[in-house]
């Protein structure tokens, strides 16, 4: 798309906006969008075009203006388009959070995830899961558990989030206490029932079945090997298979 038209209120005229000639000062285009109460899908198109051209600050400015409470009042009847803008801004903050996490900047990643959550509280559970991972890396164990539990608690979030189930299960297992270990394995089994190909759950269930149920051990490890793309996970699976075969030979 080379250009878009912004209808002028109370007239038959339109303002033509050439997308590859957007002003460096985003306020110039924002003034038009707000003055003419332009359709929110036009806001999103223009913001996306700024981003494609490498103008990230302008992109963010358009989305932040478009997701403000003032704009929400103007466009109360078009919630879908407003949510699309909220989701775009949330996705941007989430992406930056992932980048910072991969660089080991966990505090920065946490703040970006919190910003994404503030922008769009009904965002996918992955954002709260990201908050939990950041808090874990920062040693905030109680808040880590709360973040993972929040992913699962509300049906409007993600009650079947396998990652959160497994993470909570691992936290139970790390206590090395009898009751907690049982709770941890229950979460691993629940995760397996939701998604039978989640490698971490498969590996821990393998350890659970190492009480003579060699067929179950080998079947779980075969599945883990088939779906895993990480060398460390594959090595765990090969190790568990070797343990099973060795146990059968010396039984």
C-alpha atoms as a PDB file:
ATOM      1  CA  UNK A   1       0.000   0.000   0.000  1.00  0.00           C
ATOM      2  CA  UNK A   2       1.595   3.319  -1.114  1.00  0.00           C
ATOM      3  CA  UNK A   3      -0.794   5.699   0.603  1.00  0.00           C
ATOM      4  CA  UNK A   4      -3.912   6.009   2.758  1.00  0.00           C
ATOM      5  CA  UNK A   5      -6.711   8.564   2.873  1.00  0.00           C
ATOM      6  CA  UNK A   6      -7.898  10.222   6.092  1.00  0.00           C
ATOM      7  CA  UNK A   7     -11.474  11.533   5.699  1.00  0.00           C
ATOM      8  CA  UNK A   8     -11.958  15.169   6.728  1.00  0.00           C
ATOM      9  CA  UNK A   9     -14.851  15.574   9.163  1.00  0.00           C
ATOM     10  CA  UNK A  10     -18.064  17.215   7.930  1.00  0.00           C
ATOM     11  CA  UNK A  11     -16.892  17.332   4.311  1.00  0.00           C
ATOM     12  CA  UNK A  12     -16.268  15.148   1.285  1.00  0.00           C
ATOM     13  CA  UNK A  13     -12.545  15.894   1.318  1.00  0.00           C
ATOM     14  CA  UNK A  14      -9.735  13.545   2.308  1.00  0.00           C
ATOM     15  CA  UNK A  15      -6.130  13.971   3.377  1.00  0.00           C
ATOM     16  CA  UNK A  16      -3.819  11.774   1.356  1.00  0.00           C
ATOM     17  CA  UNK A  17      -0.887  10.344   3.330  1.00  0.00           C
ATOM     18  CA  UNK A  18       1.990   8.920   1.291  1.00  0.00           C
ATOM     19  CA  UNK A  19       3.360   6.089   3.400  1.00  0.00           C
ATOM     20  CA  UNK A  20       6.935   6.272   2.179  1.00  0.00           C
ATOM     21  CA  UNK A  21       7.029  10.010   2.920  1.00  0.00           C
ATOM     22  CA  UNK A  22       5.824  10.068   6.517  1.00  0.00           C
ATOM     23  CA  UNK A  23       6.994  13.089   8.553  1.00  0.00           C
ATOM     24  CA  UNK A  24       9.895  12.529  10.935  1.00  0.00           C
ATOM     25  CA  UNK A  25       7.902  14.378  13.582  1.00  0.00           C
ATOM     26  CA  UNK A  26       5.056  11.982  14.372  1.00  0.00           C
ATOM     27  CA  UNK A  27       3.098  14.844  15.942  1.00  0.00           C
ATOM     28  CA  UNK A  28       2.385  16.165  12.452  1.00  0.00           C
ATOM     29  CA  UNK A  29       0.469  13.036  11.506  1.00  0.00           C
ATOM     30  CA  UNK A  30      -0.997  12.605  15.002  1.00  0.00           C
ATOM     31  CA  UNK A  31      -2.546  16.063  14.827  1.00  0.00           C
ATOM     32  CA  UNK A  32      -4.402  15.034  11.674  1.00  0.00           C
ATOM     33  CA  UNK A  33      -5.460  11.643  13.031  1.00  0.00           C
ATOM     34  CA  UNK A  34      -6.882  13.177  16.202  1.00  0.00           C
ATOM     35  CA  UNK A  35      -8.434  16.238  14.583  1.00  0.00           C
ATOM     36  CA  UNK A  36     -10.319  14.145  12.033  1.00  0.00           C
ATOM     37  CA  UNK A  37     -10.977  11.268  14.451  1.00  0.00           C
ATOM     38  CA  UNK A  38      -9.529   8.916  11.863  1.00  0.00           C
ATOM     39  CA  UNK A  39     -10.417   5.240  11.936  1.00  0.00           C
ATOM     40  CA  UNK A  40      -8.135   3.375  14.324  1.00  0.00           C
ATOM     41  CA  UNK A  41      -7.080   0.930  11.646  1.00  0.00           C
ATOM     42  CA  UNK A  42      -5.421   3.917   9.931  1.00  0.00           C
ATOM     43  CA  UNK A  43      -3.486   4.633  13.127  1.00  0.00           C
ATOM     44  CA  UNK A  44      -2.236   1.056  13.089  1.00  0.00           C
ATOM     45  CA  UNK A  45      -1.316   1.144   9.388  1.00  0.00           C
ATOM     46  CA  UNK A  46       0.702   4.334   9.852  1.00  0.00           C
ATOM     47  CA  UNK A  47       2.391   3.049  13.026  1.00  0.00           C
ATOM     48  CA  UNK A  48       3.329  -0.178  11.279  1.00  0.00           C
ATOM     49  CA  UNK A  49       4.752   1.775   8.340  1.00  0.00           C
ATOM     50  CA  UNK A  50       6.942   3.837  10.666  1.00  0.00           C
ATOM     51  CA  UNK A  51       8.237   0.593  12.187  1.00  0.00           C
ATOM     52  CA  UNK A  52       8.957  -0.960   8.779  1.00  0.00           C
ATOM     53  CA  UNK A  53      11.007   2.106   7.867  1.00  0.00           C
ATOM     54  CA  UNK A  54      13.030   1.879  11.082  1.00  0.00           C
ATOM     55  CA  UNK A  55      11.408   4.808  12.885  1.00  0.00           C
ATOM     56  CA  UNK A  56      10.776   3.000  16.154  1.00  0.00           C
ATOM     57  CA  UNK A  57      10.185   6.079  18.316  1.00  0.00           C
ATOM     58  CA  UNK A  58       7.484   7.337  15.955  1.00  0.00           C
ATOM     59  CA  UNK A  59       5.949   3.861  15.837  1.00  0.00           C
ATOM     60  CA  UNK A  60       5.786   3.737  19.622  1.00  0.00           C
ATOM     61  CA  UNK A  61       4.433   7.288  19.864  1.00  0.00           C
ATOM     62  CA  UNK A  62       1.554   6.534  17.483  1.00  0.00           C
ATOM     63  CA  UNK A  63       0.606   3.383  19.395  1.00  0.00           C
ATOM     64  CA  UNK A  64       0.849   5.041  22.816  1.00  0.00           C
ATOM     65  CA  UNK A  65      -1.356   7.915  21.680  1.00  0.00           C
ATOM     66  CA  UNK A  66      -3.767   5.466  20.066  1.00  0.00           C
ATOM     67  CA  UNK A  67      -4.063   3.412  23.244  1.00  0.00           C
ATOM     68  CA  UNK A  68      -4.602   6.349  25.612  1.00  0.00           C
ATOM     69  CA  UNK A  69      -7.748   6.769  27.719  1.00  0.00           C
ATOM     70  CA  UNK A  70      -8.620   9.915  25.769  1.00  0.00           C
ATOM     71  CA  UNK A  71      -8.687   7.997  22.491  1.00  0.00           C
ATOM     72  CA  UNK A  72     -10.692   5.200  24.117  1.00  0.00           C
ATOM     73  CA  UNK A  73     -13.451   7.716  24.907  1.00  0.00           C
ATOM     74  CA  UNK A  74     -13.596   8.867  21.287  1.00  0.00           C
ATOM     75  CA  UNK A  75     -13.759   5.333  19.920  1.00  0.00           C
ATOM     76  CA  UNK A  76     -15.958   3.592  22.477  1.00  0.00           C
ATOM     77  CA  UNK A  77     -17.940   1.897  19.702  1.00  0.00           C
ATOM     78  CA  UNK A  78     -14.933   0.334  17.954  1.00  0.00           C
ATOM     79  CA  UNK A  79     -13.304  -1.655  20.740  1.00  0.00           C
ATOM     80  CA  UNK A  80     -11.890  -4.242  18.341  1.00  0.00           C
ATOM     81  CA  UNK A  81      -9.625  -1.723  16.603  1.00  0.00           C
ATOM     82  CA  UNK A  82      -8.564  -0.203  19.921  1.00  0.00           C
ATOM     83  CA  UNK A  83      -7.664  -3.661  21.245  1.00  0.00           C
ATOM     84  CA  UNK A  84      -5.616  -4.253  18.083  1.00  0.00           C
ATOM     85  CA  UNK A  85      -3.549  -1.159  18.912  1.00  0.00           C
ATOM     86  CA  UNK A  86      -3.153  -2.266  22.539  1.00  0.00           C
ATOM     87  CA  UNK A  87      -2.042  -5.688  21.393  1.00  0.00           C
ATOM     88  CA  UNK A  88       0.485  -4.234  18.942  1.00  0.00           C
ATOM     89  CA  UNK A  89       2.039  -2.107  21.695  1.00  0.00           C
ATOM     90  CA  UNK A  90       2.012  -5.071  24.081  1.00  0.00           C
ATOM     91  CA  UNK A  91       3.730  -7.252  21.466  1.00  0.00           C
ATOM     92  CA  UNK A  92       6.410  -4.606  20.965  1.00  0.00           C
ATOM     93  CA  UNK A  93       7.207  -4.430  24.692  1.00  0.00           C
ATOM     94  CA  UNK A  94       7.152  -8.242  24.917  1.00  0.00           C
ATOM     95  CA  UNK A  95       9.599  -8.531  22.025  1.00  0.00           C
ATOM     96  CA  UNK A  96      11.993  -6.072  23.677  1.00  0.00           C
ATOM     97  CA  UNK A  97      11.618  -8.005  26.942  1.00  0.00           C
ATOM     98  CA  UNK A  98      12.705 -11.219  25.196  1.00  0.00           C
ATOM     99  CA  UNK A  99      15.738  -9.456  23.728  1.00  0.00           C
ATOM    100  CA  UNK A 100      16.789  -8.119  27.125  1.00  0.00           C
ATOM    101  CA  UNK A 101      16.242 -11.522  28.754  1.00  0.00           C
ATOM    102  CA  UNK A 102      18.464 -13.209  26.166  1.00  0.00           C
ATOM    103  CA  UNK A 103      21.184 -10.663  27.015  1.00  0.00           C
ATOM    104  CA  UNK A 104      20.939 -11.446  30.720  1.00  0.00           C
ATOM    105  CA  UNK A 105      19.386  -8.086  31.558  1.00  0.00           C
ATOM    106  CA  UNK A 106      16.645  -9.557  33.704  1.00  0.00           C
ATOM    107  CA  UNK A 107      15.633  -6.356  35.508  1.00  0.00           C
ATOM    108  CA  UNK A 108      15.157  -4.549  32.189  1.00  0.00           C
ATOM    109  CA  UNK A 109      13.239  -7.519  30.806  1.00  0.00           C
ATOM    110  CA  UNK A 110      11.006  -7.563  33.878  1.00  0.00           C
ATOM    111  CA  UNK A 111      10.152  -3.874  33.512  1.00  0.00           C
ATOM    112  CA  UNK A 112       9.287  -4.306  29.826  1.00  0.00           C
ATOM    113  CA  UNK A 113       7.057  -7.294  30.580  1.00  0.00           C
ATOM    114  CA  UNK A 114       5.325  -5.294  33.320  1.00  0.00           C
ATOM    115  CA  UNK A 115       4.837  -2.451  30.860  1.00  0.00           C
ATOM    116  CA  UNK A 116       3.284  -4.872  28.366  1.00  0.00           C
ATOM    117  CA  UNK A 117       0.937  -6.132  31.080  1.00  0.00           C
ATOM    118  CA  UNK A 118      -0.037  -2.594  32.061  1.00  0.00           C
ATOM    119  CA  UNK A 119      -0.802  -1.684  28.442  1.00  0.00           C
ATOM    120  CA  UNK A 120      -3.003  -4.733  27.905  1.00  0.00           C
ATOM    121  CA  UNK A 121      -4.005  -6.578  31.129  1.00  0.00           C
ATOM    122  CA  UNK A 122      -5.855  -9.234  29.102  1.00  0.00           C
ATOM    123  CA  UNK A 123      -2.676 -10.144  27.236  1.00  0.00           C
ATOM    124  CA  UNK A 124      -1.674 -13.800  26.669  1.00  0.00           C
ATOM    125  CA  UNK A 125      -0.359 -15.762  29.634  1.00  0.00           C
ATOM    126  CA  UNK A 126       3.107 -15.757  28.049  1.00  0.00           C
ATOM    127  CA  UNK A 127       3.658 -12.219  29.358  1.00  0.00           C
ATOM    128  CA  UNK A 128       3.027 -13.249  32.967  1.00  0.00           C
ATOM    129  CA  UNK A 129       5.156 -16.335  32.368  1.00  0.00           C
ATOM    130  CA  UNK A 130       7.951 -14.041  31.201  1.00  0.00           C
ATOM    131  CA  UNK A 131       7.566 -12.021  34.392  1.00  0.00           C
ATOM    132  CA  UNK A 132       7.940 -15.250  36.359  1.00  0.00           C
ATOM    133  CA  UNK A 133      11.137 -16.206  34.518  1.00  0.00           C
ATOM    134  CA  UNK A 134      12.634 -12.773  35.172  1.00  0.00           C
ATOM    135  CA  UNK A 135      11.786 -12.928  38.862  1.00  0.00           C
ATOM    136  CA  UNK A 136      13.311 -16.413  39.081  1.00  0.00           C
ATOM    137  CA  UNK A 137      16.546 -15.163  37.535  1.00  0.00           C
ATOM    138  CA  UNK A 138      16.531 -12.280  40.018  1.00  0.00           C
ATOM    139  CA  UNK A 139      16.121 -14.694  42.940  1.00  0.00           C
ATOM    140  CA  UNK A 140      12.580 -13.555  43.785  1.00  0.00           C
ATOM    141  CA  UNK A 141      11.249 -17.062  44.348  1.00  0.00           C
ATOM    142  CA  UNK A 142       7.923 -16.255  46.040  1.00  0.00           C
ATOM    143  CA  UNK A 143       7.037 -13.711  43.352  1.00  0.00           C
ATOM    144  CA  UNK A 144       8.123 -16.228  40.711  1.00  0.00           C
ATOM    145  CA  UNK A 145       5.604 -18.738  42.011  1.00  0.00           C
ATOM    146  CA  UNK A 146       2.891 -16.074  42.140  1.00  0.00           C
ATOM    147  CA  UNK A 147       3.523 -15.113  38.517  1.00  0.00           C
ATOM    148  CA  UNK A 148       3.330 -18.718  37.305  1.00  0.00           C
ATOM    149  CA  UNK A 149       0.189 -19.360  39.359  1.00  0.00           C
ATOM    150  CA  UNK A 150      -1.436 -16.235  37.924  1.00  0.00           C
ATOM    151  CA  UNK A 151      -1.017 -17.684  34.436  1.00  0.00           C
ATOM    152  CA  UNK A 152      -3.160 -20.650  35.462  1.00  0.00           C
ATOM    153  CA  UNK A 153      -5.650 -19.132  37.885  1.00  0.00           C
ATOM    154  CA  UNK A 154      -8.055 -17.254  35.642  1.00  0.00           C
ATOM    155  CA  UNK A 155      -9.884 -19.040  32.832  1.00  0.00           C
ATOM    156  CA  UNK A 156      -9.678 -15.903  30.732  1.00  0.00           C
ATOM    157  CA  UNK A 157      -5.893 -16.150  30.800  1.00  0.00           C
ATOM    158  CA  UNK A 158      -4.460 -19.601  30.088  1.00  0.00           C
ATOM    159  CA  UNK A 159      -5.553 -22.358  32.505  1.00  0.00           C
ATOM    160  CA  UNK A 160      -3.852 -25.048  30.399  1.00  0.00           C
ATOM    161  CA  UNK A 161      -0.502 -23.292  29.994  1.00  0.00           C
ATOM    162  CA  UNK A 162       1.944 -26.196  29.906  1.00  0.00           C
ATOM    163  CA  UNK A 163       5.020 -24.036  30.500  1.00  0.00           C
ATOM    164  CA  UNK A 164       3.553 -22.592  33.707  1.00  0.00           C
ATOM    165  CA  UNK A 165       2.478 -26.032  34.939  1.00  0.00           C
ATOM    166  CA  UNK A 166       5.938 -27.481  34.346  1.00  0.00           C
ATOM    167  CA  UNK A 167       7.667 -24.469  35.909  1.00  0.00           C
ATOM    168  CA  UNK A 168       5.558 -24.784  39.062  1.00  0.00           C
ATOM    169  CA  UNK A 169       6.208 -28.521  39.063  1.00  0.00           C
ATOM    170  CA  UNK A 170       9.958 -27.937  38.908  1.00  0.00           C
ATOM    171  CA  UNK A 171       9.735 -25.522  41.824  1.00  0.00           C
ATOM    172  CA  UNK A 172       7.924 -28.211  43.827  1.00  0.00           C
ATOM    173  CA  UNK A 173      10.541 -30.824  42.922  1.00  0.00           C
ATOM    174  CA  UNK A 174      13.471 -28.572  43.836  1.00  0.00           C
ATOM    175  CA  UNK A 175      12.375 -28.539  47.488  1.00  0.00           C
ATOM    176  CA  UNK A 176      13.257 -32.269  47.787  1.00  0.00           C
ATOM    177  CA  UNK A 177      10.384 -32.655  50.257  1.00  0.00           C
ATOM    178  CA  UNK A 178       8.050 -35.634  49.997  1.00  0.00           C
ATOM    179  CA  UNK A 179       4.729 -33.814  49.695  1.00  0.00           C
ATOM    180  CA  UNK A 180       6.177 -31.199  47.364  1.00  0.00           C
ATOM    181  CA  UNK A 181       7.729 -33.859  45.130  1.00  0.00           C
ATOM    182  CA  UNK A 182       4.329 -35.523  44.826  1.00  0.00           C
ATOM    183  CA  UNK A 183       2.735 -32.182  43.899  1.00  0.00           C
ATOM    184  CA  UNK A 184       5.469 -31.577  41.367  1.00  0.00           C
ATOM    185  CA  UNK A 185       4.928 -34.914  39.647  1.00  0.00           C
ATOM    186  CA  UNK A 186       1.170 -34.314  39.573  1.00  0.00           C
ATOM    187  CA  UNK A 187       1.814 -31.085  37.695  1.00  0.00           C
ATOM    188  CA  UNK A 188       4.138 -32.900  35.282  1.00  0.00           C
ATOM    189  CA  UNK A 189       1.454 -35.504  34.596  1.00  0.00           C
ATOM    190  CA  UNK A 190      -1.147 -32.770  34.102  1.00  0.00           C
ATOM    191  CA  UNK A 191       1.164 -31.059  31.616  1.00  0.00           C
ATOM    192  CA  UNK A 192       1.688 -34.365  29.793  1.00  0.00           C
ATOM    193  CA  UNK A 193      -2.068 -34.909  29.516  1.00  0.00           C
ATOM    194  CA  UNK A 194      -2.501 -31.443  27.977  1.00  0.00           C
ATOM    195  CA  UNK A 195       0.454 -31.713  25.600  1.00  0.00           C
ATOM    196  CA  UNK A 196       2.178 -35.131  25.394  1.00  0.00           C
ATOM    197  CA  UNK A 197       5.189 -33.747  23.507  1.00  0.00           C
ATOM    198  CA  UNK A 198       6.537 -31.251  26.040  1.00  0.00           C
ATOM    199  CA  UNK A 199      10.105 -32.467  26.513  1.00  0.00           C
ATOM    200  CA  UNK A 200      10.770 -31.295  30.077  1.00  0.00           C
ATOM    201  CA  UNK A 201       7.642 -33.044  31.348  1.00  0.00           C
ATOM    202  CA  UNK A 202       8.615 -36.197  29.453  1.00  0.00           C
ATOM    203  CA  UNK A 203      12.074 -36.257  31.026  1.00  0.00           C
ATOM    204  CA  UNK A 204      10.772 -35.851  34.577  1.00  0.00           C
ATOM    205  CA  UNK A 205       8.019 -38.410  34.059  1.00  0.00           C
ATOM    206  CA  UNK A 206      10.721 -40.815  32.896  1.00  0.00           C
ATOM    207  CA  UNK A 207      12.365 -40.527  36.312  1.00  0.00           C
ATOM    208  CA  UNK A 208       8.979 -41.142  37.941  1.00  0.00           C
ATOM    209  CA  UNK A 209       8.537 -44.421  36.054  1.00  0.00           C
ATOM    210  CA  UNK A 210      12.031 -45.734  36.849  1.00  0.00           C
ATOM    211  CA  UNK A 211      10.532 -48.266  39.236  1.00  0.00           C
ATOM    212  CA  UNK A 212      10.507 -51.183  36.839  1.00  0.00           C
ATOM    213  CA  UNK A 213       8.132 -49.738  34.219  1.00  0.00           C
ATOM    214  CA  UNK A 214      10.727 -49.910  31.451  1.00  0.00           C
ATOM    215  CA  UNK A 215       8.210 -49.827  28.619  1.00  0.00           C
ATOM    216  CA  UNK A 216       6.827 -46.488  29.856  1.00  0.00           C
ATOM    217  CA  UNK A 217      10.348 -45.111  30.348  1.00  0.00           C
ATOM    218  CA  UNK A 218      11.449 -46.043  26.840  1.00  0.00           C
ATOM    219  CA  UNK A 219       8.261 -44.799  25.196  1.00  0.00           C
ATOM    220  CA  UNK A 220       8.506 -41.422  26.937  1.00  0.00           C
ATOM    221  CA  UNK A 221      12.171 -41.055  26.034  1.00  0.00           C
ATOM    222  CA  UNK A 222      11.577 -42.034  22.413  1.00  0.00           C
ATOM    223  CA  UNK A 223       8.968 -39.272  22.202  1.00  0.00           C
ATOM    224  CA  UNK A 224      11.305 -36.774  23.866  1.00  0.00           C
ATOM    225  CA  UNK A 225      14.084 -37.608  21.396  1.00  0.00           C
ATOM    226  CA  UNK A 226      11.718 -37.255  18.458  1.00  0.00           C
ATOM    227  CA  UNK A 227      10.474 -33.788  19.379  1.00  0.00           C
ATOM    228  CA  UNK A 228      13.473 -32.199  21.116  1.00  0.00           C
ATOM    229  CA  UNK A 229      15.742 -29.811  19.227  1.00  0.00           C
ATOM    230  CA  UNK A 230      18.076 -29.040  22.145  1.00  0.00           C
ATOM    231  CA  UNK A 231      21.255 -31.022  22.685  1.00  0.00           C
ATOM    232  CA  UNK A 232      20.997 -30.940  26.480  1.00  0.00           C
ATOM    233  CA  UNK A 233      17.468 -32.365  26.413  1.00  0.00           C
ATOM    234  CA  UNK A 234      18.496 -35.078  23.959  1.00  0.00           C
ATOM    235  CA  UNK A 235      21.446 -36.020  26.175  1.00  0.00           C
ATOM    236  CA  UNK A 236      19.093 -36.384  29.167  1.00  0.00           C
ATOM    237  CA  UNK A 237      16.847 -38.651  27.107  1.00  0.00           C
ATOM    238  CA  UNK A 238      19.738 -40.825  25.873  1.00  0.00           C
ATOM    239  CA  UNK A 239      21.017 -41.077  29.445  1.00  0.00           C
ATOM    240  CA  UNK A 240      17.615 -42.206  30.703  1.00  0.00           C
ATOM    241  CA  UNK A 241      17.321 -44.776  27.919  1.00  0.00           C
ATOM    242  CA  UNK A 242      20.750 -46.134  28.808  1.00  0.00           C
ATOM    243  CA  UNK A 243      19.724 -46.376  32.466  1.00  0.00           C
ATOM    244  CA  UNK A 244      16.608 -48.296  31.483  1.00  0.00           C
ATOM    245  CA  UNK A 245      18.481 -50.766  29.256  1.00  0.00           C
ATOM    246  CA  UNK A 246      21.179 -51.233  31.893  1.00  0.00           C
ATOM    247  CA  UNK A 247      18.568 -51.862  34.571  1.00  0.00           C
ATOM    248  CA  UNK A 248      16.856 -54.537  32.451  1.00  0.00           C
ATOM    249  CA  UNK A 249      20.130 -56.337  31.760  1.00  0.00           C
ATOM    250  CA  UNK A 250      21.114 -56.471  35.419  1.00  0.00           C
ATOM    251  CA  UNK A 251      17.646 -57.140  36.785  1.00  0.00           C
END
